[in-house]
Each structure stands twice: as structure tokens, then as C-alpha cells.
Amino acid sequence: MNPAPLHSLPGPRSLPVLWRDHSWALAPIRSSSSPPPASSGWKLTRRHAGGAQSIAANSPSGLGLKRGKRPPGLTFHYSKSAIHNFHRAFTVLEMLVVITIIGFLAALALPHLPGMTRANSMTTAVQQLLGDCALARQLAMSHRSTVYMVFVPPYATNASVPANEQSSFNNLLTHQFGAYALVSLRTVGDQPGQAHPQYLTEWKPLPDGVFVAPWKFASQKPVMVTSTNTLSGTVNVFQIFPFAQVQIPFPATDAVSTSGTAFAPFLPCIGFSPLGQLATNGDEYIPLDRGRVLYPVGAGVPAAPVAATPMEAPAGNATNNCNLIHIDWLTGRAKIERNQQR
């Protein structure tokens, strides 16, 4: 008695399966007139609901195949075409579309980059000065002597120059309004009248686009600067005096004049006492300005100083949109004063 067709047997049906046997692809097909190869003899088997097999037990491969009779209406064939997995790649058109979108977004963002750069330069300058003010205070207490934060002044044409240290002097000509160093005029153990000045740090320039407000060097009377806090509605007014002047060897301790004496001009500075306080009896301020400092062609090359021209951008931002380094005279600690907006 012939077994019933596969689709009429009770129990769950099995879907056609495509599997791989070495380099051959074996697939079930229906109503095929071509018989399978005689060497194969593989047939599809299944179980009835009661557990009985329609043809034979499962093969060791677990695919329900065993040598035996062929179920009606179901045969197998072999195909020599291997099974391949194709991975989709980007086309040239898709890449061009992506590049166009990136270029469009970059064009929208580029106009905002200069403003971000200026903001980063001011933030860097503020953090640099706050850190060096704290360092000057610490060195003054550890060295038990007054430490000065000395600034490169604006030079006047035909001013005197040192006979040596020409290279350092000329390099500092291009840092007018924007460089400083920490100097101590005495050290521990110096006898009265026998001072040994020393530079405690190298000359440090401020970031490009930031410099000390020019009126801090040349003003003969205090300048009033205000900062507004829109969160609390308060307005702070600061009365800023010009830098104090102290005679300090410049640009190094071994600088000498043409006459052979020490070259020590009066330089603008802020002094920190050994007690960690300011050397003056009032708060000190370092007003920072945005813009550029213009130098004549050949600045730093001639033996005579060349005056620089500071250009604020925008004009008056040192007073209208202030960035003040505020140093408390009693504690010697510095903080930033600026406009705070909602």
C-alpha cells in the first residue's frame, strides 16, 4: 500500500528547506520528472501525530532525511550553484548626496566660528591670569619677599635700550600690552642693600586677540568701569587706577645699559607681599581688551623701540563689556568680574 501524500498526512506541515551539503545546494521541489541521482537516495520523512514515522527515522544530520522510498509528488534535485551572500555598497550618487549635505551644514556653521574663537581666547586669557596671580601670591609667601607681576609696557620712540639682551628685548617689542613675567627683587638671605633680583617665570604672552587695556598703562586718573548682573538686577562700579611703576631689570636680570650699569627702567606691575596680600593698600584690576595690537613694519628688528597701536574690536569693549581680573588687596586672591546676563 502506497503511503499517503505528504500534504494529506495528519500533524503539522513542514516548510521546504534550503540547506547546504559541501559545495552542493539541496532543495526540495514538487512534481519534478527528473529523478534524483542514484548515489544519493535521500528522501524526506516526517512523523505522524502518534509518533509513527511515515517513511523512516530522522537522519543523523537532523534534517529528517533517510534512504528509503520517495514520497509521492516530492522529489529532490541537486544544483551546482553555490549559495552566496551579497552585501550592498554605497553608490557614487549616494556618496555625492552625503557630501553635499555635509558641505551645506558646514556653510551654515562657518559664520559662527570667529565668535567662538574670540570667546575661547578671552576665556583662556582669564584662566591664565587667574592662575598666575595665584602663583605670584604663593611665591611671595614661600620666598618671603615681594613678587611683582611685571607687564611689557608700550614703548616710546627713542627710548633707551639695553646694551646686551638685544634678542630678548626685540622679541618683547611685539608683545606690548600683552606679555608679563613674575619677578622678585630680593631672595631669602639677602643682606640689606644687596638685592639679587631674579625672574621667577619666563615672559608669558596673552592669547592672540586679547591684550591689557591701553588706558591701564597711560591713564593719569582712575577709569570707571561697570558690570551688570541681569539675574539680580545689580550694577557694580569699579574705580580702576593705572599700574604702579617699579624699577626692575629688563628684559633679564643681567641687562646692562650702554654706560655699563644695570638696565632697570620703571615698569608697570602689581606687587604681592610676603603676607599674601597686595603691596598696595587697595584692590587691583587688570582690564582685558579684545582686538589687535598693530606694529610698524620691521618691529623687533631695529635697535630702538617702536611704538605699537592697539585696536579694540569692538571699540570700547574694555569698559562696555568688561573682563576684569579683580585682585583683593587683603587676601591677594583674584577673581573675574564681567557682565552676567539672563
Foldseek 3Di string as FASTA:
>chain_A
DAFDAQVPADDDHDDWDWDDDVQKIKTKDFPDPDAEDPVPQKEAKDAHPVGHIRWDDADPVRRRIDRTDHGHGMHMYIDNDGDDDDDDDDDPVNVVVVVVVVVVVCVVCVVCVVVVVLVVLVVQLLVVVQVVLVVQLVCQQVQQFKKKWFAAAFDDWPDFFFPDPLLVVLVCLQQHQFKTFIKTQAGPPADPPGTDIFTPDAIDGRDAQKGFDNCLAVPPAWDWAWAAEAVVGDIDIDTAHHFDWDFAQPPGQPTHGPVGHGRTGTTGIWMAHNVSFTPDPFKHKTKMFGFHKAWPPCRSPDSTRGGIHTDGVVPPCSRVFTWIFIAGRPNSRTDTGGYHDD
